[in-house]
Amino acid sequence: MHESPIIELGGLHIDLSIVLMLIVTSTIVFVLALLATRNLSVENPGKLQNFMEWVAEFVQGLISSTMDLKKGRPFLSLGMTLIMFIFVGNMLGLPFGIVTSYDSAEAATIFSKPLLSVQEVFHSAAPGSHPHAAVAWWKSPTADLSVTLGLALIVFAIVHFMGMTRNTKAYFKHYVQPFPLFLPINLIENISKPLTHGIRLYANIFAGEVLISVILQMSALGIGGYIASVAGLIAWQGFSIFIGSIQAFVFTILTFVYLSQTIDTHEEH
């Protein structure tokens, strides 16, 4: 496995590859949305406008399948942003990778700051050995646990804020249902939701990228390994597109399920 380009900034350890990929993902989604809405037309819509309308209808279908559409329609933009951001992020690690190699600890710097993960490789090497470190700069941002848990925590905050402000009585009452004795269990259930929400996405995308790196290493086994590597890579990347799409769908629909559980109840009347 390749190392991550981690630097220390203000006492924090920053993974530069994740920062880079979050910027790239956000830029792609923003540009797609901008181009799709730049020249809106009813009579002659462009391909990107049709695509964005399809995404809106798809997300609207997800909302209506989990809650009253009147209550869920304000979350249409949230759902579109989530599903597009996660799908694009899932796909970025598939086409290619950017890897830099280092043969000395002195060369492992960027912006005059040492790459901590690479420095650790050289410092932990046995005396007399010739360590080598490779740093991956391009990968799916959703293959990092901090990103997926960050998305899950954002959803968690939105869900509980909407529950406390739009359905206050029913929201707090559900913690002691069916009996007050269930309060600890209900609290644990709510705390575990962002963990499972984020870890599910991370595990699927990370596992896919690990397998891609393993398949690429088969090319070092000679002509047979090279052929097997190419064939395996083509097959797995096609399957990864399917997995990435499913995970974007699952993350988004779970968001609406959690929202429906807090704002679309029969207790509020």
Protein backbone atom coordinates (compact mmCIF):
# COMPACT_ATOMS: atom_id res chain seq x y z
CA MET A 1 0.00 0.00 0.00
CA HIS A 2 1.07 3.54 -0.70
CA GLU A 3 1.62 6.09 2.03
CA SER A 4 -0.53 9.20 2.49
CA PRO A 5 1.06 12.67 2.17
CA ILE A 6 0.50 13.83 5.75
CA ILE A 7 1.98 17.08 7.06
CA GLU A 8 1.67 18.82 10.43
CA LEU A 9 -0.02 22.20 10.34
CA GLY A 10 -1.00 24.09 13.48
CA GLY A 11 -0.63 20.95 15.56
CA LEU A 12 -2.95 19.01 13.25
CA HIS A 13 -2.01 16.18 10.91
CA ILE A 14 -3.35 17.08 7.45
CA ASP A 15 -3.66 14.51 4.67
CA LEU A 16 -2.91 16.57 1.56
CA SER A 17 -4.30 13.93 -0.79
CA ILE A 18 -7.71 14.15 0.89
CA VAL A 19 -7.66 17.96 0.73
CA LEU A 20 -6.76 17.76 -2.97
CA MET A 21 -9.44 15.20 -3.78
CA LEU A 22 -12.15 17.07 -1.85
CA ILE A 23 -11.34 20.19 -3.87
CA VAL A 24 -11.41 18.22 -7.13
CA THR A 25 -14.69 16.50 -6.26
CA SER A 26 -16.39 19.73 -5.20
CA THR A 27 -15.15 21.50 -8.33
CA ILE A 28 -16.47 18.78 -10.65
CA VAL A 29 -19.89 18.77 -8.99
CA PHE A 30 -20.07 22.58 -9.00
CA VAL A 31 -19.07 22.81 -12.68
CA LEU A 32 -21.62 20.15 -13.66
CA ALA A 33 -24.39 21.98 -11.81
CA LEU A 34 -23.31 25.33 -13.26
CA LEU A 35 -23.22 24.06 -16.85
CA ALA A 36 -26.53 22.24 -16.46
CA THR A 37 -28.35 25.36 -15.25
CA ARG A 38 -26.56 27.99 -17.36
CA ASN A 39 -28.93 28.00 -20.36
CA LEU A 40 -32.18 26.52 -19.12
CA SER A 41 -34.72 25.79 -21.83
CA VAL A 42 -38.16 24.17 -21.78
CA GLU A 43 -38.43 23.55 -25.52
CA ASN A 44 -34.85 22.47 -26.25
CA PRO A 45 -33.07 21.37 -23.06
CA GLY A 46 -29.42 20.39 -23.34
CA LYS A 47 -27.96 17.02 -22.36
CA LEU A 48 -26.65 18.30 -19.04
CA GLN A 49 -30.00 19.89 -18.23
CA ASN A 50 -31.73 16.60 -18.98
CA PHE A 51 -29.22 14.81 -16.78
CA MET A 52 -29.77 17.23 -13.89
CA GLU A 53 -33.54 16.92 -14.27
CA TRP A 54 -33.18 13.13 -14.15
CA VAL A 55 -31.11 13.39 -10.95
CA ALA A 56 -33.74 15.70 -9.43
CA GLU A 57 -36.56 13.29 -10.32
CA PHE A 58 -34.58 10.34 -8.99
CA VAL A 59 -33.88 12.07 -5.66
CA GLN A 60 -37.49 13.20 -5.46
CA GLY A 61 -38.48 9.56 -5.83
CA LEU A 62 -36.20 8.68 -2.92
CA ILE A 63 -37.83 11.35 -0.80
CA SER A 64 -41.38 10.25 -1.61
CA SER A 65 -40.48 6.64 -0.79
CA THR A 66 -39.43 7.58 2.75
CA MET A 67 -41.68 10.46 3.81
CA ASP A 68 -44.46 12.83 2.84
CA LEU A 69 -43.18 14.63 -0.26
CA LYS A 70 -44.48 18.00 0.98
CA LYS A 71 -42.29 17.73 4.07
CA GLY A 72 -39.34 16.28 2.19
CA ARG A 73 -39.26 18.59 -0.84
CA PRO A 74 -37.09 21.21 0.96
CA PHE A 75 -34.37 18.54 1.19
CA LEU A 76 -34.23 17.98 -2.58
CA SER A 77 -31.09 20.08 -3.00
CA LEU A 78 -29.45 18.27 -0.06
CA GLY A 79 -30.15 14.90 -1.66
CA MET A 80 -28.90 15.99 -5.09
CA THR A 81 -25.70 17.38 -3.58
CA LEU A 82 -25.05 14.22 -1.55
CA ILE A 83 -25.67 11.73 -4.34
CA MET A 84 -23.62 13.67 -6.91
CA PHE A 85 -20.75 14.42 -4.53
CA ILE A 86 -20.49 10.83 -3.30
CA PHE A 87 -20.83 9.33 -6.79
CA VAL A 88 -18.14 11.59 -8.25
CA GLY A 89 -15.91 10.99 -5.24
CA ASN A 90 -16.36 7.22 -5.58
CA MET A 91 -15.39 7.32 -9.25
CA LEU A 92 -12.25 9.45 -8.99
CA GLY A 93 -10.01 6.64 -7.78
CA LEU A 94 -10.88 4.35 -10.72
CA PRO A 95 -9.33 5.83 -13.90
CA PHE A 96 -5.77 6.46 -12.73
CA GLY A 97 -3.52 7.29 -9.79
CA ILE A 98 -0.77 9.79 -9.08
CA VAL A 99 2.10 8.34 -7.06
CA THR A 100 5.44 9.92 -6.14
CA SER A 101 8.43 7.91 -4.91
CA TYR A 102 11.04 8.86 -2.33
CA ASP A 103 14.41 7.21 -1.66
CA SER A 104 15.48 9.49 1.18
CA ALA A 105 13.86 11.20 4.14
CA GLU A 106 15.34 14.58 3.13
CA ALA A 107 13.47 14.56 -0.19
CA ALA A 108 10.11 13.77 1.42
CA THR A 109 8.97 17.35 1.92
CA ILE A 110 6.33 19.63 0.44
CA PHE A 111 5.84 23.32 1.12
CA SER A 112 9.01 23.03 3.23
CA LYS A 113 7.18 20.63 5.55
CA PRO A 114 8.14 16.96 5.98
CA LEU A 115 5.74 14.24 4.94
CA LEU A 116 5.25 12.57 8.30
CA SER A 117 4.11 9.18 6.99
CA VAL A 118 7.13 8.94 4.70
CA GLN A 119 9.53 10.12 7.40
CA GLU A 120 8.22 7.33 9.63
CA VAL A 121 9.04 4.74 6.96
CA PHE A 122 12.66 5.83 6.80
CA HIS A 123 13.08 6.28 10.56
CA SER A 124 11.70 2.81 11.27
CA ALA A 125 13.88 1.13 8.63
CA ALA A 126 16.54 -1.30 9.79
CA PRO A 127 20.13 0.00 9.79
CA GLY A 128 21.88 -0.68 6.49
CA SER A 129 18.66 -1.20 4.56
CA HIS A 130 17.57 0.91 1.61
CA PRO A 131 13.94 1.82 2.26
CA HIS A 132 11.66 3.17 -0.42
CA ALA A 133 8.39 5.02 0.05
CA ALA A 134 5.62 5.69 -2.45
CA VAL A 135 3.01 8.39 -1.78
CA ALA A 136 -0.47 8.31 -3.36
CA TRP A 137 -1.88 11.75 -4.22
CA TRP A 138 -4.91 10.73 -6.30
CA LYS A 139 -7.60 8.48 -4.83
CA SER A 140 -11.29 8.48 -4.03
CA PRO A 141 -11.91 10.86 -1.12
CA THR A 142 -14.62 8.48 0.09
CA ALA A 143 -11.90 5.83 0.57
CA ASP A 144 -10.86 7.79 3.68
CA LEU A 145 -12.74 7.20 6.91
CA SER A 146 -12.48 10.84 8.04
CA VAL A 147 -14.34 11.99 4.91
CA THR A 148 -17.19 9.49 5.12
CA LEU A 149 -17.61 10.00 8.88
CA GLY A 150 -17.56 13.76 8.26
CA LEU A 151 -20.40 13.41 5.75
CA ALA A 152 -22.29 11.16 8.17
CA LEU A 153 -21.87 13.66 11.03
CA ILE A 154 -23.16 16.48 8.82
CA VAL A 155 -26.25 14.40 8.06
CA PHE A 156 -26.55 13.49 11.76
CA ALA A 157 -26.50 17.19 12.74
CA ILE A 158 -29.08 18.14 10.10
CA VAL A 159 -31.39 15.26 11.04
CA HIS A 160 -31.45 16.05 14.75
CA PHE A 161 -31.65 19.80 14.25
CA MET A 162 -34.70 19.36 12.01
CA GLY A 163 -36.24 16.96 14.53
CA MET A 164 -35.77 19.37 17.44
CA THR A 165 -37.07 22.40 15.51
CA ARG A 166 -39.82 20.97 13.29
CA ASN A 167 -41.17 18.09 15.34
CA THR A 168 -40.01 18.95 18.84
CA LYS A 169 -42.54 17.08 20.98
CA ALA A 170 -42.43 13.82 19.03
CA TYR A 171 -38.65 14.03 18.62
CA PHE A 172 -37.92 14.08 22.35
CA LYS A 173 -40.77 11.69 23.16
CA HIS A 174 -39.36 8.93 20.95
CA TYR A 175 -36.31 8.61 23.20
CA VAL A 176 -38.50 7.17 25.99
CA GLN A 177 -40.65 4.93 23.80
CA PRO A 178 -42.07 2.40 24.26
CA PHE A 179 -41.02 2.79 27.92
CA PRO A 180 -38.68 5.24 29.73
CA LEU A 181 -36.46 2.24 30.45
CA PHE A 182 -35.50 2.25 26.76
CA LEU A 183 -33.83 5.68 26.96
CA PRO A 184 -30.23 4.31 27.05
CA ILE A 185 -30.98 1.92 24.17
CA ASN A 186 -32.51 4.69 22.05
CA LEU A 187 -29.55 6.96 22.76
CA ILE A 188 -27.08 4.24 21.74
CA GLU A 189 -29.08 3.59 18.58
CA ASN A 190 -28.93 7.25 17.57
CA ILE A 191 -25.21 7.56 18.35
CA SER A 192 -24.43 4.45 16.29
CA LYS A 193 -26.21 5.71 13.18
CA PRO A 194 -23.47 8.08 11.94
CA LEU A 195 -20.87 5.36 12.59
CA THR A 196 -22.62 2.76 10.47
CA HIS A 197 -23.63 5.43 7.93
CA GLY A 198 -20.04 6.51 7.34
CA ILE A 199 -18.22 3.20 7.80
CA ARG A 200 -20.42 1.40 5.25
CA LEU A 201 -19.44 3.87 2.50
CA TYR A 202 -15.77 3.92 3.49
CA ALA A 203 -15.40 0.13 3.70
CA ASN A 204 -16.85 -0.53 0.26
CA ILE A 205 -14.80 2.13 -1.56
CA PHE A 206 -11.57 1.47 0.34
CA ALA A 207 -11.80 -2.27 -0.27
CA GLY A 208 -12.29 -1.61 -3.97
CA GLU A 209 -9.18 0.55 -4.19
CA VAL A 210 -7.11 -1.99 -2.25
CA LEU A 211 -8.14 -4.70 -4.68
CA ILE A 212 -7.24 -2.47 -7.64
CA SER A 213 -3.72 -2.01 -6.22
CA VAL A 214 -3.41 -5.79 -5.75
CA ILE A 215 -4.50 -6.44 -9.33
CA LEU A 216 -1.96 -3.91 -10.62
CA GLN A 217 0.83 -5.71 -8.75
CA MET A 218 0.10 -8.85 -10.76
CA SER A 219 1.71 -7.19 -13.79
CA ALA A 220 5.12 -7.80 -12.19
CA LEU A 221 4.68 -11.57 -12.58
CA GLY A 222 5.53 -11.62 -16.28
CA ILE A 223 3.43 -11.64 -19.43
CA GLY A 224 0.81 -13.94 -17.92
CA GLY A 225 0.49 -11.73 -14.87
CA TYR A 226 0.27 -8.64 -17.09
CA ILE A 227 -2.58 -10.12 -19.13
CA ALA A 228 -4.38 -11.24 -15.97
CA SER A 229 -3.82 -7.80 -14.46
CA VAL A 230 -5.34 -5.96 -17.43
CA ALA A 231 -8.32 -8.32 -17.65
CA GLY A 232 -8.91 -8.21 -13.92
CA LEU A 233 -8.60 -4.44 -13.83
CA ILE A 234 -11.16 -3.97 -16.62
CA ALA A 235 -13.63 -6.33 -14.95
CA TRP A 236 -13.17 -4.90 -11.47
CA GLN A 237 -13.41 -1.28 -12.58
CA GLY A 238 -16.70 -2.02 -14.28
CA PHE A 239 -17.95 -3.64 -11.08
CA SER A 240 -16.56 -0.73 -9.02
CA ILE A 241 -18.69 1.72 -11.03
CA PHE A 242 -21.72 -0.33 -10.02
CA ILE A 243 -20.62 -0.48 -6.38
CA GLY A 244 -19.86 3.26 -6.31
CA SER A 245 -23.31 4.04 -7.70
CA ILE A 246 -25.03 1.76 -5.20
CA GLN A 247 -23.14 3.27 -2.27
CA ALA A 248 -24.07 6.82 -3.33
CA PHE A 249 -27.70 5.67 -3.51
CA VAL A 250 -27.55 3.89 -0.12
CA PHE A 251 -25.96 6.86 1.67
CA THR A 252 -28.55 9.27 0.24
CA ILE A 253 -31.64 7.16 0.90
CA LEU A 254 -30.49 6.46 4.47
CA THR A 255 -30.25 10.22 4.94
CA PHE A 256 -33.91 10.55 4.00
CA VAL A 257 -34.86 7.56 6.16
CA TYR A 258 -33.25 9.24 9.18
CA LEU A 259 -34.96 12.53 8.33
CA SER A 260 -38.33 10.83 8.02
CA GLN A 261 -37.89 9.23 11.44
CA THR A 262 -37.51 12.64 13.07
CA ILE A 263 -39.81 14.98 11.12
CA ASP A 264 -42.47 12.79 9.52
CA THR A 265 -44.25 11.20 12.50
CA HIS A 266 -47.87 11.09 13.61
CA GLU A 267 -47.08 12.48 17.04
CA GLU A 268 -46.91 16.10 15.99
CA HIS A 269 -50.69 16.57 15.77
